[in-house]
C-alpha atoms as a PDB file:
ATOM      1  CA  MET A   1     -28.120 113.082  18.720  1.00  0.00           C
ATOM      2  CA  THR A   2     -26.016 111.737  15.577  1.00  0.00           C
ATOM      3  CA  THR A   3     -22.666 109.322  16.878  1.00  0.00           C
ATOM      4  CA  LEU A   4     -19.890 109.345  14.862  1.00  0.00           C
ATOM      5  CA  ASN A   5     -17.982 106.492  14.333  1.00  0.00           C
ATOM      6  CA  PRO A   6     -13.884 107.320  13.979  1.00  0.00           C
ATOM      7  CA  PRO A   7     -12.512 107.259  10.424  1.00  0.00           C
ATOM      8  CA  VAL A   8     -10.861 103.477   9.865  1.00  0.00           C
ATOM      9  CA  ASP A   9      -7.697 103.158   8.249  1.00  0.00           C
ATOM     10  CA  ALA A  10      -7.678 101.001   4.906  1.00  0.00           C
ATOM     11  CA  ALA A  11      -4.427  99.659   5.560  1.00  0.00           C
ATOM     12  CA  LEU A  12      -5.581  98.122   8.864  1.00  0.00           C
ATOM     13  CA  ILE A  13      -8.753  96.627   7.166  1.00  0.00           C
ATOM     14  CA  SER A  14      -5.999  95.251   4.178  1.00  0.00           C
ATOM     15  CA  ALA A  15      -3.733  93.883   6.568  1.00  0.00           C
ATOM     16  CA  ALA A  16      -6.629  92.311   8.616  1.00  0.00           C
ATOM     17  CA  ASP A  17      -7.538  90.399   5.782  1.00  0.00           C
ATOM     18  CA  LYS A  18      -4.608  88.751   5.635  1.00  0.00           C
ATOM     19  CA  PRO A  19      -3.755  85.773   7.754  1.00  0.00           C
ATOM     20  CA  LEU A  20      -0.885  86.438  10.902  1.00  0.00           C
ATOM     21  CA  ALA A  21       2.625  85.324   9.530  1.00  0.00           C
ATOM     22  CA  ARG A  22       4.336  82.993  11.700  1.00  0.00           C
ATOM     23  CA  PRO A  23       8.287  82.782  12.714  1.00  0.00           C
ATOM     24  CA  ALA A  24      10.349  80.715  10.819  1.00  0.00           C
ATOM     25  CA  ALA A  25      10.397  78.333  13.678  1.00  0.00           C
ATOM     26  CA  VAL A  26       7.595  77.936  14.388  1.00  0.00           C
ATOM     27  CA  GLN A  27       6.700  76.733  11.160  1.00  0.00           C
ATOM     28  CA  GLY A  28       9.960  74.308  10.271  1.00  0.00           C
ATOM     29  CA  ALA A  29       7.912  72.851  14.415  1.00  0.00           C
ATOM     30  CA  VAL A  30       4.613  72.016  12.109  1.00  0.00           C
ATOM     31  CA  SER A  31       5.812  71.252   8.690  1.00  0.00           C
ATOM     32  CA  ALA A  32       8.278  68.452  10.554  1.00  0.00           C
ATOM     33  CA  ALA A  33       4.997  67.818  12.271  1.00  0.00           C
ATOM     34  CA  ALA A  34       2.869  67.671   9.262  1.00  0.00           C
ATOM     35  CA  ALA A  35       5.193  65.272   7.546  1.00  0.00           C
ATOM     36  CA  PRO A  36       4.712  61.697   7.070  1.00  0.00           C
ATOM     37  CA  LEU A  37       6.489  59.606   9.562  1.00  0.00           C
ATOM     38  CA  PRO A  38       8.999  57.151   8.071  1.00  0.00           C
ATOM     39  CA  ASP A  39       8.719  53.162   8.103  1.00  0.00           C
ATOM     40  CA  ALA A  40       9.617  51.839  11.576  1.00  0.00           C
ATOM     41  CA  PRO A  41      11.648  48.417  10.068  1.00  0.00           C
ATOM     42  CA  VAL A  42       9.522  45.301  11.168  1.00  0.00           C
ATOM     43  CA  ALA A  43      11.467  42.693  13.049  1.00  0.00           C
ATOM     44  CA  GLN A  44      11.331  39.824  11.114  1.00  0.00           C
ATOM     45  CA  ALA A  45      11.998  36.028  12.723  1.00  0.00           C
ATOM     46  CA  PRO A  46      14.742  34.337  11.644  1.00  0.00           C
ATOM     47  CA  ALA A  47      15.204  32.284   8.788  1.00  0.00           C
ATOM     48  CA  ARG A  48      14.491  28.533   8.291  1.00  0.00           C
ATOM     49  CA  PRO A  49      15.773  26.210   6.488  1.00  0.00           C
ATOM     50  CA  ALA A  50      13.855  25.107   3.778  1.00  0.00           C
ATOM     51  CA  VAL A  51      11.498  21.775   4.223  1.00  0.00           C
ATOM     52  CA  PRO A  52      11.033  19.703   0.796  1.00  0.00           C
ATOM     53  CA  VAL A  53       7.216  19.101  -0.104  1.00  0.00           C
ATOM     54  CA  ILE A  54       5.835  16.291  -0.146  1.00  0.00           C
ATOM     55  CA  SER A  55       3.474  15.998  -2.099  1.00  0.00           C
ATOM     56  CA  GLU A  56       0.807  12.594  -1.852  1.00  0.00           C
ATOM     57  CA  ALA A  57       1.537  12.002  -5.451  1.00  0.00           C
ATOM     58  CA  VAL A  58       4.901  11.245  -3.969  1.00  0.00           C
ATOM     59  CA  ARG A  59       4.209   9.245  -1.173  1.00  0.00           C
ATOM     60  CA  ARG A  60       0.892   6.985  -2.545  1.00  0.00           C
ATOM     61  CA  ARG A  61       3.950   6.916  -5.283  1.00  0.00           C
ATOM     62  CA  ALA A  62       6.537   5.224  -2.901  1.00  0.00           C
ATOM     63  CA  ARG A  63       3.812   2.955  -0.944  1.00  0.00           C
ATOM     64  CA  HIS A  64       3.169   1.237  -4.218  1.00  0.00           C
ATOM     65  CA  GLU A  65       6.894   0.644  -5.189  1.00  0.00           C
ATOM     66  CA  LEU A  66       7.421  -0.796  -1.557  1.00  0.00           C
ATOM     67  CA  ILE A  67       4.709  -3.009  -2.059  1.00  0.00           C
ATOM     68  CA  LEU A  68       5.189  -4.127  -5.037  1.00  0.00           C
ATOM     69  CA  LYS A  69       9.081  -5.022  -3.938  1.00  0.00           C
ATOM     70  CA  ILE A  70       7.820  -6.259  -0.973  1.00  0.00           C
ATOM     71  CA  VAL A  71       4.369  -7.213   0.230  1.00  0.00           C
ATOM     72  CA  ALA A  72       4.070  -8.705  -3.111  1.00  0.00           C
ATOM     73  CA  PRO A  73       6.465 -11.782  -3.211  1.00  0.00           C
ATOM     74  CA  VAL A  74       5.888 -12.720   0.946  1.00  0.00           C
ATOM     75  CA  LEU A  75       2.632 -12.854   0.651  1.00  0.00           C
ATOM     76  CA  GLY A  76       3.100 -15.217  -2.800  1.00  0.00           C
ATOM     77  CA  LEU A  77       5.205 -17.107  -0.692  1.00  0.00           C
ATOM     78  CA  ILE A  78       2.093 -16.877   1.754  1.00  0.00           C
ATOM     79  CA  VAL A  79       0.329 -18.760  -0.140  1.00  0.00           C
ATOM     80  CA  LEU A  80       2.666 -21.555  -1.648  1.00  0.00           C
ATOM     81  CA  LEU A  81       2.893 -21.863   2.143  1.00  0.00           C
ATOM     82  CA  LEU A  82      -0.983 -22.125   2.819  1.00  0.00           C
ATOM     83  CA  ILE A  83      -1.851 -24.648  -0.726  1.00  0.00           C
ATOM     84  CA  TRP A  84       1.537 -26.714  -0.003  1.00  0.00           C
ATOM     85  CA  GLU A  85      -0.387 -27.178   3.785  1.00  0.00           C
ATOM     86  CA  ALA A  86      -4.011 -28.126   2.136  1.00  0.00           C
ATOM     87  CA  ILE A  87      -2.287 -30.318   0.093  1.00  0.00           C
ATOM     88  CA  SER A  88      -0.822 -32.150   2.507  1.00  0.00           C
ATOM     89  CA  LYS A  89      -3.179 -31.977   4.653  1.00  0.00           C
ATOM     90  CA  GLY A  90      -6.129 -33.903   2.081  1.00  0.00           C
ATOM     91  CA  GLY A  91      -4.724 -37.187   2.582  1.00  0.00           C
ATOM     92  CA  ALA A  92      -2.093 -36.721  -0.362  1.00  0.00           C
ATOM     93  CA  THR A  93       1.461 -38.255   0.798  1.00  0.00           C
ATOM     94  CA  ILE A  94       3.292 -35.332   0.681  1.00  0.00           C
ATOM     95  CA  PRO A  95       4.774 -34.073   3.854  1.00  0.00           C
ATOM     96  CA  GLY A  96       3.683 -29.963   4.422  1.00  0.00           C
ATOM     97  CA  PRO A  97       6.282 -27.502   5.415  1.00  0.00           C
ATOM     98  CA  LEU A  98       6.375 -28.446   8.779  1.00  0.00           C
ATOM     99  CA  ALA A  99       7.719 -31.565   8.185  1.00  0.00           C
ATOM    100  CA  THR A 100       9.950 -30.358   5.164  1.00  0.00           C
ATOM    101  CA  GLY A 101      11.044 -28.125   7.506  1.00  0.00           C
ATOM    102  CA  LYS A 102      12.211 -30.592  10.779  1.00  0.00           C
ATOM    103  CA  ALA A 103      13.994 -32.525   7.211  1.00  0.00           C
ATOM    104  CA  ALA A 104      15.875 -28.543   6.699  1.00  0.00           C
ATOM    105  CA  VAL A 105      17.082 -28.595   9.872  1.00  0.00           C
ATOM    106  CA  ALA A 106      18.632 -32.614  10.171  1.00  0.00           C
ATOM    107  CA  VAL A 107      20.796 -31.386   7.045  1.00  0.00           C
ATOM    108  CA  LEU A 108      21.610 -28.740   6.967  1.00  0.00           C
ATOM    109  CA  SER A 109      22.569 -28.875  10.351  1.00  0.00           C
ATOM    110  CA  ASP A 110      25.743 -30.823   9.468  1.00  0.00           C
ATOM    111  CA  PRO A 111      26.311 -29.972   5.920  1.00  0.00           C
ATOM    112  CA  PHE A 112      30.211 -31.258   5.586  1.00  0.00           C
ATOM    113  CA  TYR A 113      30.198 -34.219   6.877  1.00  0.00           C
ATOM    114  CA  GLN A 114      31.722 -36.573   4.928  1.00  0.00           C
ATOM    115  CA  ASN A 115      31.364 -41.073   5.597  1.00  0.00           C
ATOM    116  CA  GLY A 116      32.502 -42.747   2.416  1.00  0.00           C
ATOM    117  CA  PRO A 117      32.701 -41.614  -1.389  1.00  0.00           C
ATOM    118  CA  ASN A 118      29.085 -41.970  -2.252  1.00  0.00           C
ATOM    119  CA  ASP A 119      28.541 -40.579   1.807  1.00  0.00           C
ATOM    120  CA  GLN A 120      28.398 -36.623   2.319  1.00  0.00           C
ATOM    121  CA  GLY A 121      26.520 -33.582   3.441  1.00  0.00           C
ATOM    122  CA  ILE A 122      24.514 -31.157   1.459  1.00  0.00           C
ATOM    123  CA  GLY A 123      27.338 -28.376   1.369  1.00  0.00           C
ATOM    124  CA  PHE A 124      29.385 -31.495  -0.835  1.00  0.00           C
ATOM    125  CA  LYS A 125      26.015 -32.455  -3.508  1.00  0.00           C
ATOM    126  CA  VAL A 126      26.082 -28.991  -4.060  1.00  0.00           C
ATOM    127  CA  ILE A 127      29.649 -28.207  -4.406  1.00  0.00           C
ATOM    128  CA  ASN A 128      30.036 -31.006  -6.688  1.00  0.00           C
ATOM    129  CA  SER A 129      27.659 -30.061  -9.023  1.00  0.00           C
ATOM    130  CA  LEU A 130      28.564 -26.443  -9.727  1.00  0.00           C
ATOM    131  CA  GLY A 131      31.928 -27.818 -10.481  1.00  0.00           C
ATOM    132  CA  ARG A 132      29.789 -30.069 -13.393  1.00  0.00           C
ATOM    133  CA  VAL A 133      27.798 -26.833 -14.438  1.00  0.00           C
ATOM    134  CA  ALA A 134      30.989 -24.808 -14.261  1.00  0.00           C
ATOM    135  CA  LEU A 135      33.025 -26.468 -16.543  1.00  0.00           C
ATOM    136  CA  GLY A 136      30.055 -27.515 -19.272  1.00  0.00           C
ATOM    137  CA  PHE A 137      29.260 -23.690 -19.190  1.00  0.00           C
ATOM    138  CA  GLY A 138      32.436 -22.929 -19.284  1.00  0.00           C
ATOM    139  CA  LEU A 139      33.633 -25.053 -22.837  1.00  0.00           C
ATOM    140  CA  ALA A 140      30.440 -23.274 -23.737  1.00  0.00           C
ATOM    141  CA  ALA A 141      30.763 -19.551 -23.073  1.00  0.00           C
ATOM    142  CA  LEU A 142      34.254 -20.090 -24.662  1.00  0.00           C
ATOM    143  CA  ILE A 143      33.373 -21.574 -27.631  1.00  0.00           C
ATOM    144  CA  GLY A 144      30.117 -20.505 -28.320  1.00  0.00           C
ATOM    145  CA  ILE A 145      29.884 -15.875 -27.850  1.00  0.00           C
ATOM    146  CA  PRO A 146      32.735 -16.140 -30.036  1.00  0.00           C
ATOM    147  CA  ALA A 147      31.075 -18.434 -32.973  1.00  0.00           C
ATOM    148  CA  GLY A 148      27.927 -15.965 -32.330  1.00  0.00           C
ATOM    149  CA  PHE A 149      30.264 -12.745 -33.190  1.00  0.00           C
ATOM    150  CA  LEU A 150      31.231 -14.495 -36.906  1.00  0.00           C
ATOM    151  CA  ILE A 151      28.522 -16.190 -37.709  1.00  0.00           C
ATOM    152  CA  GLY A 152      26.501 -12.371 -36.933  1.00  0.00           C
ATOM    153  CA  ARG A 153      29.241 -10.597 -38.567  1.00  0.00           C
ATOM    154  CA  PHE A 154      29.774 -12.728 -42.032  1.00  0.00           C
ATOM    155  CA  SER A 155      26.538 -13.415 -43.662  1.00  0.00           C
ATOM    156  CA  PHE A 156      28.204 -16.522 -45.546  1.00  0.00           C
ATOM    157  CA  LEU A 157      29.283 -18.576 -42.079  1.00  0.00           C
ATOM    158  CA  ASN A 158      25.391 -17.486 -41.191  1.00  0.00           C
ATOM    159  CA  ARG A 159      23.403 -19.118 -44.474  1.00  0.00           C
ATOM    160  CA  MET A 160      25.943 -22.256 -43.470  1.00  0.00           C
ATOM    161  CA  VAL A 161      25.720 -23.251 -40.218  1.00  0.00           C
ATOM    162  CA  GLY A 162      22.243 -21.215 -39.887  1.00  0.00           C
ATOM    163  CA  PRO A 163      20.292 -24.930 -41.114  1.00  0.00           C
ATOM    164  CA  ILE A 164      22.849 -26.598 -38.845  1.00  0.00           C
ATOM    165  CA  ILE A 165      21.191 -24.816 -35.561  1.00  0.00           C
ATOM    166  CA  SER A 166      17.990 -25.342 -36.203  1.00  0.00           C
ATOM    167  CA  LEU A 167      18.700 -28.592 -36.365  1.00  0.00           C
ATOM    168  CA  LEU A 168      19.822 -29.242 -33.475  1.00  0.00           C
ATOM    169  CA  ARG A 169      18.558 -26.944 -30.799  1.00  0.00           C
ATOM    170  CA  PRO A 170      15.537 -29.024 -30.406  1.00  0.00           C
ATOM    171  CA  VAL A 171      17.214 -31.742 -28.852  1.00  0.00           C
ATOM    172  CA  SER A 172      16.434 -32.845 -25.289  1.00  0.00           C
ATOM    173  CA  PRO A 173      19.044 -32.451 -23.297  1.00  0.00           C
ATOM    174  CA  LEU A 174      19.012 -35.984 -22.154  1.00  0.00           C
ATOM    175  CA  ALA A 175      19.297 -37.625 -25.703  1.00  0.00           C
ATOM    176  CA  TRP A 176      22.604 -36.776 -25.961  1.00  0.00           C
ATOM    177  CA  LEU A 177      23.961 -37.728 -22.145  1.00  0.00           C
ATOM    178  CA  PRO A 178      24.091 -42.066 -24.328  1.00  0.00           C
ATOM    179  CA  ILE A 179      26.296 -39.644 -26.831  1.00  0.00           C
ATOM    180  CA  GLY A 180      28.013 -38.664 -23.785  1.00  0.00           C
ATOM    181  CA  LEU A 181      28.281 -41.752 -22.367  1.00  0.00           C
ATOM    182  CA  LEU A 182      29.424 -43.828 -25.445  1.00  0.00           C
ATOM    183  CA  VAL A 183      32.657 -41.095 -26.277  1.00  0.00           C
ATOM    184  CA  PHE A 184      33.555 -41.002 -23.290  1.00  0.00           C
ATOM    185  CA  LYS A 185      33.437 -43.242 -21.285  1.00  0.00           C
ATOM    186  CA  GLY A 186      31.866 -42.442 -17.889  1.00  0.00           C
ATOM    187  CA  ALA A 187      29.314 -40.516 -16.341  1.00  0.00           C
ATOM    188  CA  HIS A 188      31.553 -37.396 -14.876  1.00  0.00           C
ATOM    189  CA  PRO A 189      32.577 -36.114 -18.349  1.00  0.00           C
ATOM    190  CA  ALA A 190      29.229 -38.213 -20.142  1.00  0.00           C
ATOM    191  CA  ALA A 191      27.743 -34.683 -17.613  1.00  0.00           C
ATOM    192  CA  ILE A 192      29.904 -32.128 -18.506  1.00  0.00           C
ATOM    193  CA  TRP A 193      29.137 -32.419 -22.402  1.00  0.00           C
ATOM    194  CA  THR A 194      24.846 -32.929 -21.881  1.00  0.00           C
ATOM    195  CA  ILE A 195      25.875 -29.049 -19.978  1.00  0.00           C
ATOM    196  CA  PHE A 196      27.551 -27.875 -22.547  1.00  0.00           C
ATOM    197  CA  ILE A 197      26.013 -29.136 -25.526  1.00  0.00           C
ATOM    198  CA  SER A 198      22.849 -28.145 -24.379  1.00  0.00           C
ATOM    199  CA  SER A 199      23.828 -24.789 -22.651  1.00  0.00           C
ATOM    200  CA  ILE A 200      25.334 -23.467 -26.214  1.00  0.00           C
ATOM    201  CA  TRP A 201      23.153 -22.958 -28.530  1.00  0.00           C
ATOM    202  CA  PRO A 202      21.370 -19.775 -26.689  1.00  0.00           C
ATOM    203  CA  MET A 203      24.436 -17.715 -26.506  1.00  0.00           C
ATOM    204  CA  VAL A 204      25.385 -18.392 -30.385  1.00  0.00           C
ATOM    205  CA  ILE A 205      22.442 -17.714 -31.186  1.00  0.00           C
ATOM    206  CA  ASN A 206      21.904 -14.426 -28.775  1.00  0.00           C
ATOM    207  CA  THR A 207      24.962 -13.050 -29.914  1.00  0.00           C
ATOM    208  CA  ALA A 208      24.776 -13.483 -33.605  1.00  0.00           C
ATOM    209  CA  VAL A 209      21.166 -11.785 -33.548  1.00  0.00           C
ATOM    210  CA  GLY A 210      23.366  -8.696 -31.758  1.00  0.00           C
ATOM    211  CA  VAL A 211      25.570  -8.524 -34.263  1.00  0.00           C
ATOM    212  CA  GLN A 212      23.402  -8.389 -36.644  1.00  0.00           C
ATOM    213  CA  ARG A 213      21.215  -5.863 -34.926  1.00  0.00           C
ATOM    214  CA  VAL A 214      23.796  -2.947 -34.955  1.00  0.00           C
ATOM    215  CA  PRO A 215      23.431  -0.404 -36.767  1.00  0.00           C
ATOM    216  CA  SER A 216      24.650  -0.398 -40.498  1.00  0.00           C
ATOM    217  CA  ASP A 217      25.502   3.176 -39.948  1.00  0.00           C
ATOM    218  CA  TYR A 218      28.331   2.265 -37.401  1.00  0.00           C
ATOM    219  CA  MET A 219      30.032  -1.023 -40.125  1.00  0.00           C
ATOM    220  CA  ASN A 220      30.060   2.221 -42.328  1.00  0.00           C
ATOM    221  CA  VAL A 221      31.636   4.582 -40.594  1.00  0.00           C
ATOM    222  CA  ALA A 222      34.041   1.577 -40.047  1.00  0.00           C
ATOM    223  CA  LYS A 223      34.428   1.300 -43.734  1.00  0.00           C
ATOM    224  CA  VAL A 224      34.889   4.676 -43.846  1.00  0.00           C
ATOM    225  CA  LEU A 225      37.504   4.415 -41.208  1.00  0.00           C
ATOM    226  CA  ASN A 226      39.319   1.231 -42.782  1.00  0.00           C
ATOM    227  CA  LEU A 227      39.006   0.105 -39.546  1.00  0.00           C
ATOM    228  CA  SER A 228      40.502  -3.773 -38.517  1.00  0.00           C
ATOM    229  CA  GLU A 229      38.574  -6.471 -37.742  1.00  0.00           C
ATOM    230  CA  TRP A 230      39.972  -5.910 -34.587  1.00  0.00           C
ATOM    231  CA  LYS A 231      39.008  -2.913 -33.708  1.00  0.00           C
ATOM    232  CA  ILE A 232      35.419  -3.348 -35.163  1.00  0.00           C
ATOM    233  CA  PHE A 233      34.658  -5.802 -32.566  1.00  0.00           C
ATOM    234  CA  THR A 234      36.547  -3.992 -29.138  1.00  0.00           C
ATOM    235  CA  ARG A 235      34.831  -0.535 -30.623  1.00  0.00           C
ATOM    236  CA  ILE A 236      31.852  -1.395 -32.312  1.00  0.00           C
ATOM    237  CA  LEU A 237      30.852  -4.734 -31.357  1.00  0.00           C
ATOM    238  CA  PHE A 238      31.561  -5.973 -28.526  1.00  0.00           C
ATOM    239  CA  PRO A 239      29.745  -2.775 -27.259  1.00  0.00           C
ATOM    240  CA  ALA A 240      26.849  -3.042 -29.031  1.00  0.00           C
ATOM    241  CA  VAL A 241      26.080  -6.506 -28.753  1.00  0.00           C
ATOM    242  CA  LEU A 242      27.114  -7.428 -24.716  1.00  0.00           C
ATOM    243  CA  PRO A 243      23.048  -6.755 -23.947  1.00  0.00           C
ATOM    244  CA  TYR A 244      22.507  -9.901 -26.183  1.00  0.00           C
ATOM    245  CA  MET A 245      25.492 -11.129 -25.556  1.00  0.00           C
ATOM    246  CA  MET A 246      24.539 -11.429 -20.985  1.00  0.00           C
ATOM    247  CA  THR A 247      20.919 -12.081 -21.897  1.00  0.00           C
ATOM    248  CA  GLY A 248      22.221 -15.121 -24.180  1.00  0.00           C
ATOM    249  CA  VAL A 249      24.582 -16.428 -21.287  1.00  0.00           C
ATOM    250  CA  ARG A 250      21.494 -15.492 -18.219  1.00  0.00           C
ATOM    251  CA  LEU A 251      19.390 -18.098 -20.505  1.00  0.00           C
ATOM    252  CA  ALA A 252      22.432 -20.416 -21.052  1.00  0.00           C
ATOM    253  CA  ILE A 253      22.708 -20.867 -17.113  1.00  0.00           C
ATOM    254  CA  GLY A 254      19.548 -21.342 -16.696  1.00  0.00           C
ATOM    255  CA  VAL A 255      19.646 -24.273 -19.262  1.00  0.00           C
ATOM    256  CA  ALA A 256      22.951 -25.210 -17.656  1.00  0.00           C
ATOM    257  CA  TRP A 257      21.410 -25.911 -13.718  1.00  0.00           C
ATOM    258  CA  LEU A 258      18.331 -27.634 -15.464  1.00  0.00           C
ATOM    259  CA  VAL A 259      19.809 -29.795 -17.471  1.00  0.00           C
ATOM    260  CA  ILE A 260      22.888 -31.570 -14.722  1.00  0.00           C
ATOM    261  CA  VAL A 261      20.020 -32.379 -12.031  1.00  0.00           C
ATOM    262  CA  ALA A 262      18.617 -34.444 -14.375  1.00  0.00           C
ATOM    263  CA  ALA A 263      21.214 -36.222 -15.561  1.00  0.00           C
ATOM    264  CA  GLU A 264      22.746 -36.477 -12.637  1.00  0.00           C
ATOM    265  CA  MET A 265      19.914 -39.039 -11.563  1.00  0.00           C
ATOM    266  CA  LEU A 266      20.781 -41.034 -14.832  1.00  0.00           C
ATOM    267  CA  THR A 267      24.834 -40.851 -13.960  1.00  0.00           C
ATOM    268  CA  GLY A 268      25.112 -41.280 -10.298  1.00  0.00           C
ATOM    269  CA  GLY A 269      28.033 -40.259  -7.956  1.00  0.00           C
ATOM    270  CA  VAL A 270      27.937 -37.240  -5.977  1.00  0.00           C
ATOM    271  CA  GLY A 271      25.341 -34.469  -6.537  1.00  0.00           C
ATOM    272  CA  ILE A 272      22.438 -32.307  -5.845  1.00  0.00           C
ATOM    273  CA  GLY A 273      20.724 -34.305  -8.500  1.00  0.00           C
ATOM    274  CA  PHE A 274      22.085 -37.625  -7.559  1.00  0.00           C
ATOM    275  CA  TRP A 275      20.838 -37.210  -3.875  1.00  0.00           C
ATOM    276  CA  VAL A 276      16.785 -36.343  -5.179  1.00  0.00           C
ATOM    277  CA  TRP A 277      17.276 -39.634  -6.319  1.00  0.00           C
ATOM    278  CA  ASP A 278      18.827 -41.726  -3.914  1.00  0.00           C
ATOM    279  CA  GLU A 279      15.749 -40.529  -1.472  1.00  0.00           C
ATOM    280  CA  TRP A 280      13.219 -41.462  -3.582  1.00  0.00           C
ATOM    281  CA  ASN A 281      15.188 -45.108  -3.843  1.00  0.00           C
ATOM    282  CA  ASN A 282      14.842 -43.688   0.878  1.00  0.00           C
ATOM    283  CA  LEU A 283      10.634 -43.097  -0.040  1.00  0.00           C
ATOM    284  CA  LYS A 284      12.087 -39.336   2.118  1.00  0.00           C
ATOM    285  CA  VAL A 285       9.501 -37.432  -0.030  1.00  0.00           C
ATOM    286  CA  GLU A 286      10.402 -34.658   2.498  1.00  0.00           C
ATOM    287  CA  ASN A 287      14.061 -34.780   1.166  1.00  0.00           C
ATOM    288  CA  ILE A 288      13.117 -34.373  -2.214  1.00  0.00           C
ATOM    289  CA  LEU A 289      11.153 -31.301  -1.708  1.00  0.00           C
ATOM    290  CA  LEU A 290      13.840 -29.817   0.742  1.00  0.00           C
ATOM    291  CA  ALA A 291      16.410 -31.142  -2.533  1.00  0.00           C
ATOM    292  CA  ILE A 292      13.696 -28.512  -4.923  1.00  0.00           C
ATOM    293  CA  ILE A 293      13.773 -25.966  -2.557  1.00  0.00           C
ATOM    294  CA  ILE A 294      17.580 -25.706  -2.557  1.00  0.00           C
ATOM    295  CA  ILE A 295      18.427 -26.677  -6.536  1.00  0.00           C
ATOM    296  CA  GLY A 296      15.794 -22.934  -7.148  1.00  0.00           C
ATOM    297  CA  VAL A 297      17.252 -20.618  -4.712  1.00  0.00           C
ATOM    298  CA  ILE A 298      21.167 -21.969  -6.382  1.00  0.00           C
ATOM    299  CA  GLY A 299      19.864 -21.652  -9.535  1.00  0.00           C
ATOM    300  CA  LEU A 300      17.829 -18.230  -8.346  1.00  0.00           C
ATOM    301  CA  LEU A 301      21.190 -16.540  -7.330  1.00  0.00           C
ATOM    302  CA  LEU A 302      23.010 -17.888  -9.976  1.00  0.00           C
ATOM    303  CA  GLU A 303      20.520 -15.652 -12.381  1.00  0.00           C
ATOM    304  CA  ALA A 304      20.855 -12.850  -9.935  1.00  0.00           C
ATOM    305  CA  GLY A 305      24.711 -13.015 -10.162  1.00  0.00           C
ATOM    306  CA  LEU A 306      25.017 -12.932 -13.657  1.00  0.00           C
ATOM    307  CA  MET A 307      22.303 -10.155 -13.614  1.00  0.00           C
ATOM    308  CA  TRP A 308      24.617  -7.745 -11.528  1.00  0.00           C
ATOM    309  CA  LEU A 309      27.307  -8.868 -13.320  1.00  0.00           C
ATOM    310  CA  ALA A 310      25.711  -7.583 -16.658  1.00  0.00           C
ATOM    311  CA  LYS A 311      24.117  -4.274 -15.254  1.00  0.00           C
ATOM    312  CA  ARG A 312      28.252  -3.739 -14.168  1.00  0.00           C
ATOM    313  CA  PHE A 313      29.746  -3.802 -17.385  1.00  0.00           C
ATOM    314  CA  SER A 314      26.753  -2.735 -18.951  1.00  0.00           C
ATOM    315  CA  TYR A 315      27.793   0.645 -21.941  1.00  0.00           C
ATOM    316  CA  GLU A 316      24.843   2.050 -21.468  1.00  0.00           C
END
């Protein structure tokens, strides 16, 4: 017996093969669920101020500069004191640093006492010596610096004065002292004369060299503009020559302070130089060493002051 299947409508078969249609609301929900989620905002830490990163090379350079400026000079002084102490302990008659320090306390405790014209404290001695240096050095600068400008500016004057400077400059400063005693008839003006004639040469020579090394282009421009000698001096020569001139001044003040000590040893009077000679006659060697230290410190301060002045008035 044959079982007959009912006939299947072709439209139903084709509809079954198609996917079922979804409602619009469901379709929108599915699309929204399948869409990628936006990136959630990430909480950021508050910005910190930028800290400069100091490299190891900068630290090494800073340590090197510290060693050169502070450690090296202190170490040099310690080595000097050790050598000094070793010499004093080696049977020599030179007092050591401790004995000189005790003498310094005794001398510097009352530096401005006055028991008479020839018995005064170390303060008055230094002031008198500095006064002589100021007079001699000031006269040398007043004459030497303008003379250097003239010698460097005019070649004829340079050829005329050059041999005289070359002849007189190598003469020992103390060789001029008897001439001063003969002419001025006094120890005080003779010492000032010796300082003057000894300290004038560095200022004349360095100033003249500075004028001669001014670039020729500057002078050519001055000729084209028809500048006067005063404007050439103030606008061109002085700014260009100032470093050379200050170098000559520094050398001259060192020579002046060196000469005054030797001159006072020979002429006497109240001064640091004569005090050295007087303490030698009294066999107080510790005071002589103290005087050497004081002379060195004052010379160092004078040179440092001139270096500061040169930097302050530099045209660079």
